[in-house]
Amino acid sequence: MRIRLIGRTVTSLYDGALEPHGVTIAQVNLLAALGKVGPCPPARLGEVLQLERSTVSRNLRLLLKQGWIEAAASDAKGMREVVLTDAGRAKIESVVPDWRQAQERAAQLLGAGVTAIRGIASDMGYPPSA
């Protein structure tokens, strides 16, 4: 329960910092992952970020609507491959200063726990290689 509360608190901190940019931390994570991995199927983004298919699909639809990604390949079943657009790259660049400030606030909030969290994430293979 405490871990979930900490997670929601940190997510709220990031979302508050990114609100003026019209994005959530979940959406920025997808954009950044797509920028790192390159054109790929939505399922690959779910694997990289350890997200459920429905969460990836919902957020990708929002990013597509904003023009930050585009479907490089699609069929009747949906997007088969997505790619980051120039507008998506620009969006990532525009949020970096506020994201960094949120990162610093999160580190202050978590204190020494930051080192433990980084270690756990590393043991779990995050951030993943492209």
C-alpha atoms as a PDB file:
ATOM      1  CA  MET A   1       0.000   0.000   0.000  1.00  0.00           C
ATOM      2  CA  ARG A   2       2.800   2.421   0.862  1.00  0.00           C
ATOM      3  CA  ILE A   3       4.644   1.734  -2.383  1.00  0.00           C
ATOM      4  CA  ARG A   4       1.477   2.480  -4.376  1.00  0.00           C
ATOM      5  CA  LEU A   5       0.948   5.698  -2.401  1.00  0.00           C
ATOM      6  CA  ILE A   6       4.535   6.802  -3.061  1.00  0.00           C
ATOM      7  CA  GLY A   7       4.108   5.963  -6.748  1.00  0.00           C
ATOM      8  CA  ARG A   8       0.912   7.995  -7.027  1.00  0.00           C
ATOM      9  CA  THR A   9       2.502  10.900  -5.166  1.00  0.00           C
ATOM     10  CA  VAL A  10       5.531  10.987  -7.455  1.00  0.00           C
ATOM     11  CA  THR A  11       3.339  10.618 -10.558  1.00  0.00           C
ATOM     12  CA  SER A  12       1.221  13.534  -9.349  1.00  0.00           C
ATOM     13  CA  LEU A  13       4.352  15.626  -8.854  1.00  0.00           C
ATOM     14  CA  TYR A  14       5.479  14.992 -12.443  1.00  0.00           C
ATOM     15  CA  ASP A  15       1.999  15.452 -13.898  1.00  0.00           C
ATOM     16  CA  GLY A  16       1.689  18.800 -12.102  1.00  0.00           C
ATOM     17  CA  ALA A  17       5.004  19.961 -13.555  1.00  0.00           C
ATOM     18  CA  LEU A  18       4.037  18.815 -17.056  1.00  0.00           C
ATOM     19  CA  GLU A  19       0.443  20.090 -17.012  1.00  0.00           C
ATOM     20  CA  PRO A  20       1.348  23.422 -18.680  1.00  0.00           C
ATOM     21  CA  HIS A  21       2.716  21.372 -21.599  1.00  0.00           C
ATOM     22  CA  GLY A  22      -0.520  19.428 -22.035  1.00  0.00           C
ATOM     23  CA  VAL A  23       1.057  16.039 -21.325  1.00  0.00           C
ATOM     24  CA  THR A  24       1.251  13.530 -18.497  1.00  0.00           C
ATOM     25  CA  ILE A  25       4.345  11.698 -17.351  1.00  0.00           C
ATOM     26  CA  ALA A  26       2.910   8.509 -18.884  1.00  0.00           C
ATOM     27  CA  GLN A  27       2.704  10.203 -22.272  1.00  0.00           C
ATOM     28  CA  VAL A  28       6.210  11.682 -21.979  1.00  0.00           C
ATOM     29  CA  ASN A  29       7.522   8.231 -21.086  1.00  0.00           C
ATOM     30  CA  LEU A  30       5.931   6.799 -24.240  1.00  0.00           C
ATOM     31  CA  LEU A  31       7.345   9.595 -26.399  1.00  0.00           C
ATOM     32  CA  ALA A  32      10.814   9.167 -24.900  1.00  0.00           C
ATOM     33  CA  ALA A  33      10.713   5.381 -25.253  1.00  0.00           C
ATOM     34  CA  LEU A  34       9.620   5.687 -28.869  1.00  0.00           C
ATOM     35  CA  GLY A  35      12.423   8.169 -29.471  1.00  0.00           C
ATOM     36  CA  LYS A  36      14.926   5.694 -28.049  1.00  0.00           C
ATOM     37  CA  VAL A  37      13.559   2.490 -29.574  1.00  0.00           C
ATOM     38  CA  GLY A  38      12.594   3.977 -32.934  1.00  0.00           C
ATOM     39  CA  PRO A  39       9.678   2.909 -35.102  1.00  0.00           C
ATOM     40  CA  CYS A  40       8.112  -0.151 -33.535  1.00  0.00           C
ATOM     41  CA  PRO A  41       4.843  -1.931 -32.812  1.00  0.00           C
ATOM     42  CA  PRO A  42       2.879  -0.627 -29.828  1.00  0.00           C
ATOM     43  CA  ALA A  43       3.439  -3.958 -28.093  1.00  0.00           C
ATOM     44  CA  ARG A  44       7.192  -3.253 -28.056  1.00  0.00           C
ATOM     45  CA  LEU A  45       6.576   0.016 -26.177  1.00  0.00           C
ATOM     46  CA  GLY A  46       4.484  -1.921 -23.681  1.00  0.00           C
ATOM     47  CA  GLU A  47       7.361  -4.349 -23.170  1.00  0.00           C
ATOM     48  CA  VAL A  48       9.924  -1.564 -22.758  1.00  0.00           C
ATOM     49  CA  LEU A  49       7.809   0.343 -20.235  1.00  0.00           C
ATOM     50  CA  GLN A  50       6.136  -2.716 -18.694  1.00  0.00           C
ATOM     51  CA  LEU A  51       2.662  -1.405 -19.486  1.00  0.00           C
ATOM     52  CA  GLU A  52      -0.531  -3.227 -20.324  1.00  0.00           C
ATOM     53  CA  ARG A  53      -1.705  -3.184 -23.917  1.00  0.00           C
ATOM     54  CA  SER A  54      -4.816  -1.122 -23.111  1.00  0.00           C
ATOM     55  CA  THR A  55      -2.735   1.560 -21.358  1.00  0.00           C
ATOM     56  CA  VAL A  56      -0.359   1.804 -24.324  1.00  0.00           C
ATOM     57  CA  SER A  57      -3.231   1.944 -26.836  1.00  0.00           C
ATOM     58  CA  ARG A  58      -5.117   4.626 -24.931  1.00  0.00           C
ATOM     59  CA  ASN A  59      -2.065   6.874 -24.602  1.00  0.00           C
ATOM     60  CA  LEU A  60      -0.904   6.286 -28.182  1.00  0.00           C
ATOM     61  CA  ARG A  61      -4.311   7.402 -29.470  1.00  0.00           C
ATOM     62  CA  LEU A  62      -3.898  10.670 -27.540  1.00  0.00           C
ATOM     63  CA  LEU A  63      -0.360  11.159 -28.877  1.00  0.00           C
ATOM     64  CA  LEU A  64      -1.552  10.413 -32.417  1.00  0.00           C
ATOM     65  CA  LYS A  65      -4.360  12.954 -32.073  1.00  0.00           C
ATOM     66  CA  GLN A  66      -1.801  15.595 -31.009  1.00  0.00           C
ATOM     67  CA  GLY A  67       0.437  14.781 -33.981  1.00  0.00           C
ATOM     68  CA  TRP A  68       3.357  13.727 -31.757  1.00  0.00           C
ATOM     69  CA  ILE A  69       3.415  10.228 -33.250  1.00  0.00           C
ATOM     70  CA  GLU A  70       2.108   8.727 -36.441  1.00  0.00           C
ATOM     71  CA  ALA A  71       1.112   5.262 -37.503  1.00  0.00           C
ATOM     72  CA  ALA A  72       3.840   4.142 -39.879  1.00  0.00           C
ATOM     73  CA  ALA A  73       1.872   0.981 -40.595  1.00  0.00           C
ATOM     74  CA  SER A  74      -1.712   0.117 -39.720  1.00  0.00           C
ATOM     75  CA  ASP A  75      -4.496  -2.229 -40.700  1.00  0.00           C
ATOM     76  CA  ALA A  76      -8.061  -3.050 -39.666  1.00  0.00           C
ATOM     77  CA  LYS A  77      -6.783  -4.231 -36.275  1.00  0.00           C
ATOM     78  CA  GLY A  78      -5.100  -0.894 -35.532  1.00  0.00           C
ATOM     79  CA  MET A  79      -1.614   0.571 -35.473  1.00  0.00           C
ATOM     80  CA  ARG A  80       1.008  -1.984 -36.416  1.00  0.00           C
ATOM     81  CA  GLU A  81       3.951   0.372 -36.067  1.00  0.00           C
ATOM     82  CA  VAL A  82       4.290   3.858 -34.638  1.00  0.00           C
ATOM     83  CA  VAL A  83       6.936   6.507 -35.165  1.00  0.00           C
ATOM     84  CA  LEU A  84       7.840   9.704 -33.349  1.00  0.00           C
ATOM     85  CA  THR A  85       7.184  12.836 -35.417  1.00  0.00           C
ATOM     86  CA  ASP A  86       9.201  16.043 -35.470  1.00  0.00           C
ATOM     87  CA  ALA A  87       6.434  17.583 -33.362  1.00  0.00           C
ATOM     88  CA  GLY A  88       6.869  14.720 -30.875  1.00  0.00           C
ATOM     89  CA  ARG A  89      10.608  15.354 -30.654  1.00  0.00           C
ATOM     90  CA  ALA A  90       9.917  19.046 -30.124  1.00  0.00           C
ATOM     91  CA  LYS A  91       7.414  18.202 -27.375  1.00  0.00           C
ATOM     92  CA  ILE A  92      10.003  16.084 -25.565  1.00  0.00           C
ATOM     93  CA  GLU A  93      12.560  18.882 -25.790  1.00  0.00           C
ATOM     94  CA  SER A  94      10.069  21.461 -24.540  1.00  0.00           C
ATOM     95  CA  VAL A  95       9.207  19.498 -21.390  1.00  0.00           C
ATOM     96  CA  VAL A  96      12.777  18.649 -20.357  1.00  0.00           C
ATOM     97  CA  PRO A  97      13.358  21.700 -18.103  1.00  0.00           C
ATOM     98  CA  ASP A  98      10.121  21.135 -16.150  1.00  0.00           C
ATOM     99  CA  TRP A  99      10.725  17.378 -16.091  1.00  0.00           C
ATOM    100  CA  ARG A 100      14.185  17.978 -14.580  1.00  0.00           C
ATOM    101  CA  GLN A 101      12.708  20.245 -11.899  1.00  0.00           C
ATOM    102  CA  ALA A 102      10.163  17.548 -11.059  1.00  0.00           C
ATOM    103  CA  GLN A 103      12.997  15.027 -10.975  1.00  0.00           C
ATOM    104  CA  GLU A 104      14.824  17.162  -8.404  1.00  0.00           C
ATOM    105  CA  ARG A 105      11.681  17.557  -6.283  1.00  0.00           C
ATOM    106  CA  ALA A 106      11.064  13.813  -6.409  1.00  0.00           C
ATOM    107  CA  ALA A 107      14.655  13.152  -5.324  1.00  0.00           C
ATOM    108  CA  GLN A 108      14.216  15.564  -2.393  1.00  0.00           C
ATOM    109  CA  LEU A 109      10.948  13.908  -1.440  1.00  0.00           C
ATOM    110  CA  LEU A 110      12.405  10.407  -1.591  1.00  0.00           C
ATOM    111  CA  GLY A 111      15.755  11.308  -0.022  1.00  0.00           C
ATOM    112  CA  ALA A 112      18.083   8.340   0.392  1.00  0.00           C
ATOM    113  CA  GLY A 113      15.390   6.122  -1.108  1.00  0.00           C
ATOM    114  CA  VAL A 114      16.391   7.374  -4.564  1.00  0.00           C
ATOM    115  CA  THR A 115      19.531   5.236  -4.497  1.00  0.00           C
ATOM    116  CA  ALA A 116      17.518   2.165  -3.516  1.00  0.00           C
ATOM    117  CA  ILE A 117      14.936   2.827  -6.238  1.00  0.00           C
ATOM    118  CA  ARG A 118      17.647   3.198  -8.880  1.00  0.00           C
ATOM    119  CA  GLY A 119      19.218  -0.061  -7.734  1.00  0.00           C
ATOM    120  CA  ILE A 120      15.903  -1.910  -7.865  1.00  0.00           C
ATOM    121  CA  ALA A 121      15.136  -0.516 -11.316  1.00  0.00           C
ATOM    122  CA  SER A 122      18.585  -1.511 -12.541  1.00  0.00           C
ATOM    123  CA  ASP A 123      18.150  -5.050 -11.150  1.00  0.00           C
ATOM    124  CA  MET A 124      14.843  -5.224 -13.047  1.00  0.00           C
ATOM    125  CA  GLY A 125      16.583  -4.214 -16.289  1.00  0.00           C
ATOM    126  CA  TYR A 126      15.352  -0.620 -16.427  1.00  0.00           C
ATOM    127  CA  PRO A 127      16.056   1.440 -18.337  1.00  0.00           C
ATOM    128  CA  PRO A 128      15.956  -1.246 -21.006  1.00  0.00           C
ATOM    129  CA  SER A 129      18.254  -1.261 -23.960  1.00  0.00           C
ATOM    130  CA  ALA A 130      16.720  -0.404 -27.314  1.00  0.00           C
END
